[in-house]
Amino acid sequence: MNRSLLGLAGLLLAVFGGSVLAVGLGVDPPSWWLHDSRHDVLLSDADRARWRDDGWWWPAVIAVLAVAVLLAVWWLAAVVRRRRLAEVLVDTGDGAGALLRGRALENVLAGEAGALEGVQAAQVSLTGRRSAPEATVRLLLEPHAGPRDTLNRLTTESLAHARDSAGLASLPTEVRLRGAGHGADRAP
């Protein structure tokens, strides 16, 4: 979504700026275009001074700019904020609960997944809420590994063990499998 909006805004700015540049370099614009010739200005003196004497003009300009700045800061904060889960709430049965570091659970789950037969490397990241975490598991499979068998063992062993040890009712997981490249077999 963010990339789409940025791409669309960039495309609109590039088209508008490119058309102004083209008209400035002498290209004849269509009759409906904003400028008539390369000597035409973007804003005439009358357009620039139209509302200057009205009392609402400067507060309105400042309000619009302030809203634009606030939206930009909000968007930046949403993009920059941490996506990884810092801690997981573990139900201890006494009603108080305990906190488990998210990074610790990620490391243990990645270690167990990496130890599965046919897995060359594993990466795990936790997202979501601390009471309802979600996992993303990336596995790099060795050339001889079967994806179905590896996925089944990951689900029944590693993910089940992590879910049970953390006392979670469920652990929704997105698994991304990728095969490792291998060189050609060579005869001695």
C-alpha atoms as a PDB file:
ATOM      1  CA  MET A   1       0.000   0.000   0.000  1.00  0.00           C
ATOM      2  CA  ASN A   2       2.740   2.468   0.956  1.00  0.00           C
ATOM      3  CA  ARG A   3       4.730   1.670  -2.168  1.00  0.00           C
ATOM      4  CA  SER A   4       1.636   2.027  -4.330  1.00  0.00           C
ATOM      5  CA  LEU A   5       0.761   5.441  -2.894  1.00  0.00           C
ATOM      6  CA  LEU A   6       4.346   6.649  -3.167  1.00  0.00           C
ATOM      7  CA  GLY A   7       4.568   5.339  -6.719  1.00  0.00           C
ATOM      8  CA  LEU A   8       1.326   7.035  -7.715  1.00  0.00           C
ATOM      9  CA  ALA A   9       2.350  10.345  -6.121  1.00  0.00           C
ATOM     10  CA  GLY A  10       5.764  10.133  -7.779  1.00  0.00           C
ATOM     11  CA  LEU A  11       4.213   9.357 -11.160  1.00  0.00           C
ATOM     12  CA  LEU A  12       1.818  12.311 -10.924  1.00  0.00           C
ATOM     13  CA  LEU A  13       4.612  14.676  -9.893  1.00  0.00           C
ATOM     14  CA  ALA A  14       6.883  13.371 -12.662  1.00  0.00           C
ATOM     15  CA  VAL A  15       4.171  13.768 -15.320  1.00  0.00           C
ATOM     16  CA  PHE A  16       3.256  17.277 -14.173  1.00  0.00           C
ATOM     17  CA  GLY A  17       6.888  18.378 -13.795  1.00  0.00           C
ATOM     18  CA  GLY A  18       7.833  16.814 -17.117  1.00  0.00           C
ATOM     19  CA  SER A  19       4.997  18.577 -18.902  1.00  0.00           C
ATOM     20  CA  VAL A  20       5.997  21.945 -17.401  1.00  0.00           C
ATOM     21  CA  LEU A  21       9.594  21.285 -18.470  1.00  0.00           C
ATOM     22  CA  ALA A  22       8.505  20.275 -21.972  1.00  0.00           C
ATOM     23  CA  VAL A  23       6.412  23.455 -22.378  1.00  0.00           C
ATOM     24  CA  GLY A  24       9.332  25.493 -21.028  1.00  0.00           C
ATOM     25  CA  LEU A  25      11.622  23.924 -23.645  1.00  0.00           C
ATOM     26  CA  GLY A  26       9.303  24.966 -26.467  1.00  0.00           C
ATOM     27  CA  VAL A  27       6.918  22.026 -27.029  1.00  0.00           C
ATOM     28  CA  ASP A  28       3.482  23.232 -28.080  1.00  0.00           C
ATOM     29  CA  PRO A  29       0.956  22.151 -25.411  1.00  0.00           C
ATOM     30  CA  PRO A  30      -2.582  20.993 -26.184  1.00  0.00           C
ATOM     31  CA  SER A  31      -5.338  23.610 -26.035  1.00  0.00           C
ATOM     32  CA  TRP A  32      -6.696  22.318 -22.707  1.00  0.00           C
ATOM     33  CA  TRP A  33      -3.339  22.467 -20.900  1.00  0.00           C
ATOM     34  CA  LEU A  34      -2.561  24.857 -18.030  1.00  0.00           C
ATOM     35  CA  HIS A  35       0.093  26.845 -19.960  1.00  0.00           C
ATOM     36  CA  ASP A  36      -0.142  28.386 -23.382  1.00  0.00           C
ATOM     37  CA  SER A  37       3.509  28.925 -24.202  1.00  0.00           C
ATOM     38  CA  ARG A  38       6.995  28.830 -22.767  1.00  0.00           C
ATOM     39  CA  HIS A  39       6.607  32.453 -21.595  1.00  0.00           C
ATOM     40  CA  ASP A  40       3.426  31.721 -19.629  1.00  0.00           C
ATOM     41  CA  VAL A  41       3.691  31.697 -15.816  1.00  0.00           C
ATOM     42  CA  LEU A  42       2.254  29.105 -13.442  1.00  0.00           C
ATOM     43  CA  LEU A  43       0.570  31.700 -11.222  1.00  0.00           C
ATOM     44  CA  SER A  44      -0.250  35.177 -12.468  1.00  0.00           C
ATOM     45  CA  ASP A  45      -0.003  38.263 -10.247  1.00  0.00           C
ATOM     46  CA  ALA A  46      -3.791  38.283  -9.903  1.00  0.00           C
ATOM     47  CA  ASP A  47      -3.853  34.592  -8.845  1.00  0.00           C
ATOM     48  CA  ARG A  48      -1.114  35.100  -6.269  1.00  0.00           C
ATOM     49  CA  ALA A  49      -2.750  38.180  -4.684  1.00  0.00           C
ATOM     50  CA  ARG A  50      -6.385  37.073  -4.995  1.00  0.00           C
ATOM     51  CA  TRP A  51      -7.053  36.227  -1.334  1.00  0.00           C
ATOM     52  CA  ARG A  52      -4.201  38.053   0.343  1.00  0.00           C
ATOM     53  CA  ASP A  53      -6.489  40.723   1.858  1.00  0.00           C
ATOM     54  CA  ASP A  54      -9.070  38.210   3.141  1.00  0.00           C
ATOM     55  CA  GLY A  55      -8.750  37.392   6.849  1.00  0.00           C
ATOM     56  CA  TRP A  56      -9.284  33.648   6.390  1.00  0.00           C
ATOM     57  CA  TRP A  57      -6.541  33.107   3.801  1.00  0.00           C
ATOM     58  CA  TRP A  58      -3.410  32.759   5.947  1.00  0.00           C
ATOM     59  CA  PRO A  59      -5.055  30.685   8.719  1.00  0.00           C
ATOM     60  CA  ALA A  60      -6.425  28.350   6.042  1.00  0.00           C
ATOM     61  CA  VAL A  61      -3.012  28.001   4.374  1.00  0.00           C
ATOM     62  CA  ILE A  62      -1.313  27.338   7.718  1.00  0.00           C
ATOM     63  CA  ALA A  63      -4.000  24.794   8.711  1.00  0.00           C
ATOM     64  CA  VAL A  64      -3.669  22.891   5.437  1.00  0.00           C
ATOM     65  CA  LEU A  65       0.120  22.813   5.710  1.00  0.00           C
ATOM     66  CA  ALA A  66      -0.079  21.723   9.367  1.00  0.00           C
ATOM     67  CA  VAL A  67      -2.425  18.865   8.453  1.00  0.00           C
ATOM     68  CA  ALA A  68      -0.073  17.839   5.635  1.00  0.00           C
ATOM     69  CA  VAL A  69       2.891  17.810   8.033  1.00  0.00           C
ATOM     70  CA  LEU A  70       0.948  15.813  10.643  1.00  0.00           C
ATOM     71  CA  LEU A  71      -0.105  13.251   8.027  1.00  0.00           C
ATOM     72  CA  ALA A  72       3.501  12.936   6.828  1.00  0.00           C
ATOM     73  CA  VAL A  73       4.772  12.431  10.399  1.00  0.00           C
ATOM     74  CA  TRP A  74       2.011   9.888  11.078  1.00  0.00           C
ATOM     75  CA  TRP A  75       2.895   7.975   7.900  1.00  0.00           C
ATOM     76  CA  LEU A  76       6.609   8.055   8.752  1.00  0.00           C
ATOM     77  CA  ALA A  77       5.929   6.744  12.261  1.00  0.00           C
ATOM     78  CA  ALA A  78       3.790   3.932  10.845  1.00  0.00           C
ATOM     79  CA  VAL A  79       6.525   2.918   8.424  1.00  0.00           C
ATOM     80  CA  VAL A  80       9.375   3.140  10.914  1.00  0.00           C
ATOM     81  CA  ARG A  81       7.730   1.484  13.918  1.00  0.00           C
ATOM     82  CA  ARG A  82       8.929  -1.945  14.858  1.00  0.00           C
ATOM     83  CA  ARG A  83       7.057  -4.751  13.207  1.00  0.00           C
ATOM     84  CA  ARG A  84       8.585  -7.514  15.311  1.00  0.00           C
ATOM     85  CA  LEU A  85       6.941  -8.632  18.498  1.00  0.00           C
ATOM     86  CA  ALA A  86       9.021  -7.703  21.545  1.00  0.00           C
ATOM     87  CA  GLU A  87       7.325 -10.051  24.009  1.00  0.00           C
ATOM     88  CA  VAL A  88       4.763 -12.845  24.180  1.00  0.00           C
ATOM     89  CA  LEU A  89       2.268 -13.186  27.002  1.00  0.00           C
ATOM     90  CA  VAL A  90       2.443 -16.731  28.423  1.00  0.00           C
ATOM     91  CA  ASP A  91      -0.575 -18.037  30.333  1.00  0.00           C
ATOM     92  CA  THR A  92       0.765 -19.489  33.596  1.00  0.00           C
ATOM     93  CA  GLY A  93      -2.625 -20.585  34.868  1.00  0.00           C
ATOM     94  CA  ASP A  94      -2.649 -18.269  37.885  1.00  0.00           C
ATOM     95  CA  GLY A  95      -4.231 -15.361  36.039  1.00  0.00           C
ATOM     96  CA  ALA A  96      -1.113 -13.180  36.190  1.00  0.00           C
ATOM     97  CA  GLY A  97       0.797 -14.583  33.224  1.00  0.00           C
ATOM     98  CA  ALA A  98       4.434 -14.195  32.352  1.00  0.00           C
ATOM     99  CA  LEU A  99       6.268 -12.399  29.584  1.00  0.00           C
ATOM    100  CA  LEU A 100       8.525 -14.273  27.184  1.00  0.00           C
ATOM    101  CA  ARG A 101      10.928 -12.302  25.024  1.00  0.00           C
ATOM    102  CA  GLY A 102       9.837 -12.515  21.417  1.00  0.00           C
ATOM    103  CA  ARG A 103      13.433 -12.746  20.209  1.00  0.00           C
ATOM    104  CA  ALA A 104      14.013 -15.774  22.467  1.00  0.00           C
ATOM    105  CA  LEU A 105      10.997 -17.594  21.028  1.00  0.00           C
ATOM    106  CA  GLU A 106      12.126 -16.678  17.496  1.00  0.00           C
ATOM    107  CA  ASN A 107      15.625 -18.060  18.131  1.00  0.00           C
ATOM    108  CA  VAL A 108      14.366 -21.324  19.631  1.00  0.00           C
ATOM    109  CA  LEU A 109      11.848 -21.845  16.845  1.00  0.00           C
ATOM    110  CA  ALA A 110      14.475 -21.055  14.194  1.00  0.00           C
ATOM    111  CA  GLY A 111      16.898 -23.478  15.846  1.00  0.00           C
ATOM    112  CA  GLU A 112      14.346 -26.294  15.897  1.00  0.00           C
ATOM    113  CA  ALA A 113      13.241 -25.595  12.332  1.00  0.00           C
ATOM    114  CA  GLY A 114      16.858 -25.419  11.158  1.00  0.00           C
ATOM    115  CA  ALA A 115      17.561 -28.815  12.735  1.00  0.00           C
ATOM    116  CA  LEU A 116      14.856 -30.526  10.675  1.00  0.00           C
ATOM    117  CA  GLU A 117      16.093 -32.935   8.040  1.00  0.00           C
ATOM    118  CA  GLY A 118      16.467 -31.217   4.679  1.00  0.00           C
ATOM    119  CA  VAL A 119      16.543 -27.670   6.048  1.00  0.00           C
ATOM    120  CA  GLN A 120      19.725 -25.742   5.305  1.00  0.00           C
ATOM    121  CA  ALA A 121      18.731 -22.495   7.083  1.00  0.00           C
ATOM    122  CA  ALA A 122      15.710 -21.094   8.938  1.00  0.00           C
ATOM    123  CA  GLN A 123      14.591 -17.602   9.900  1.00  0.00           C
ATOM    124  CA  VAL A 124      11.622 -16.782  12.123  1.00  0.00           C
ATOM    125  CA  SER A 125       9.949 -13.474  12.939  1.00  0.00           C
ATOM    126  CA  LEU A 126       7.008 -12.893  15.262  1.00  0.00           C
ATOM    127  CA  THR A 127       4.397 -10.226  14.615  1.00  0.00           C
ATOM    128  CA  GLY A 128       0.918  -9.483  15.902  1.00  0.00           C
ATOM    129  CA  ARG A 129      -0.124  -8.796  19.490  1.00  0.00           C
ATOM    130  CA  ARG A 130       1.627 -10.212  22.512  1.00  0.00           C
ATOM    131  CA  SER A 131      -1.493 -12.165  23.473  1.00  0.00           C
ATOM    132  CA  ALA A 132      -1.984 -13.461  19.908  1.00  0.00           C
ATOM    133  CA  PRO A 133       1.380 -13.731  18.128  1.00  0.00           C
ATOM    134  CA  GLU A 134       1.782 -14.718  14.503  1.00  0.00           C
ATOM    135  CA  ALA A 135       4.907 -16.266  13.025  1.00  0.00           C
ATOM    136  CA  THR A 136       6.598 -15.988   9.657  1.00  0.00           C
ATOM    137  CA  VAL A 137       9.015 -18.824   8.963  1.00  0.00           C
ATOM    138  CA  ARG A 138      11.459 -18.774   6.047  1.00  0.00           C
ATOM    139  CA  LEU A 139      13.129 -22.062   5.232  1.00  0.00           C
ATOM    140  CA  LEU A 140      15.971 -22.675   2.808  1.00  0.00           C
ATOM    141  CA  LEU A 141      15.632 -26.295   1.733  1.00  0.00           C
ATOM    142  CA  GLU A 142      18.483 -28.520   0.641  1.00  0.00           C
ATOM    143  CA  PRO A 143      18.243 -29.831  -2.938  1.00  0.00           C
ATOM    144  CA  HIS A 144      17.100 -33.327  -1.871  1.00  0.00           C
ATOM    145  CA  ALA A 145      14.449 -32.163   0.636  1.00  0.00           C
ATOM    146  CA  GLY A 146      10.766 -32.711  -0.025  1.00  0.00           C
ATOM    147  CA  PRO A 147       8.706 -29.561   0.649  1.00  0.00           C
ATOM    148  CA  ARG A 148       5.626 -31.513   1.779  1.00  0.00           C
ATOM    149  CA  ASP A 149       7.549 -33.621   4.297  1.00  0.00           C
ATOM    150  CA  THR A 150       9.475 -30.615   5.606  1.00  0.00           C
ATOM    151  CA  LEU A 151       6.307 -28.550   6.002  1.00  0.00           C
ATOM    152  CA  ASN A 152       4.550 -31.425   7.773  1.00  0.00           C
ATOM    153  CA  ARG A 153       7.448 -31.900  10.219  1.00  0.00           C
ATOM    154  CA  LEU A 154       7.680 -28.157  10.820  1.00  0.00           C
ATOM    155  CA  THR A 155       3.972 -28.019  11.654  1.00  0.00           C
ATOM    156  CA  THR A 156       3.767 -31.152  13.803  1.00  0.00           C
ATOM    157  CA  GLU A 157       7.100 -30.774  15.587  1.00  0.00           C
ATOM    158  CA  SER A 158       8.645 -27.301  15.744  1.00  0.00           C
ATOM    159  CA  LEU A 159       5.516 -25.134  15.625  1.00  0.00           C
ATOM    160  CA  ALA A 160       3.537 -27.448  17.908  1.00  0.00           C
ATOM    161  CA  HIS A 161       6.381 -27.459  20.440  1.00  0.00           C
ATOM    162  CA  ALA A 162       6.652 -23.635  20.367  1.00  0.00           C
ATOM    163  CA  ARG A 163       2.886 -23.222  20.705  1.00  0.00           C
ATOM    164  CA  ASP A 164       2.651 -25.681  23.603  1.00  0.00           C
ATOM    165  CA  SER A 165       5.709 -24.370  25.457  1.00  0.00           C
ATOM    166  CA  ALA A 166       4.430 -20.774  25.269  1.00  0.00           C
ATOM    167  CA  GLY A 167       0.934 -21.828  26.320  1.00  0.00           C
ATOM    168  CA  LEU A 168      -0.677 -20.397  23.198  1.00  0.00           C
ATOM    169  CA  ALA A 169      -4.064 -21.562  21.958  1.00  0.00           C
ATOM    170  CA  SER A 170      -2.893 -21.074  18.377  1.00  0.00           C
ATOM    171  CA  LEU A 171       0.128 -19.806  16.499  1.00  0.00           C
ATOM    172  CA  PRO A 172      -0.891 -18.747  12.968  1.00  0.00           C
ATOM    173  CA  THR A 173       2.135 -19.167  10.742  1.00  0.00           C
ATOM    174  CA  GLU A 174       3.106 -18.180   7.238  1.00  0.00           C
ATOM    175  CA  VAL A 175       5.806 -20.486   5.873  1.00  0.00           C
ATOM    176  CA  ARG A 176       7.969 -19.501   2.913  1.00  0.00           C
ATOM    177  CA  LEU A 177       9.998 -22.274   1.348  1.00  0.00           C
ATOM    178  CA  ARG A 178      12.909 -21.718  -0.994  1.00  0.00           C
ATOM    179  CA  GLY A 179      15.173 -24.326  -2.523  1.00  0.00           C
ATOM    180  CA  ALA A 180      18.929 -23.996  -2.281  1.00  0.00           C
ATOM    181  CA  GLY A 181      20.792 -24.106  -5.545  1.00  0.00           C
ATOM    182  CA  HIS A 182      23.217 -26.923  -6.156  1.00  0.00           C
ATOM    183  CA  GLY A 183      26.073 -27.396  -8.536  1.00  0.00           C
ATOM    184  CA  ALA A 184      26.106 -29.897 -11.326  1.00  0.00           C
ATOM    185  CA  ASP A 185      27.118 -33.455 -10.512  1.00  0.00           C
ATOM    186  CA  ARG A 186      30.612 -34.116 -11.791  1.00  0.00           C
ATOM    187  CA  ALA A 187      32.115 -37.401 -12.769  1.00  0.00           C
ATOM    188  CA  PRO A 188      35.596 -38.088 -11.326  1.00  0.00           C
END
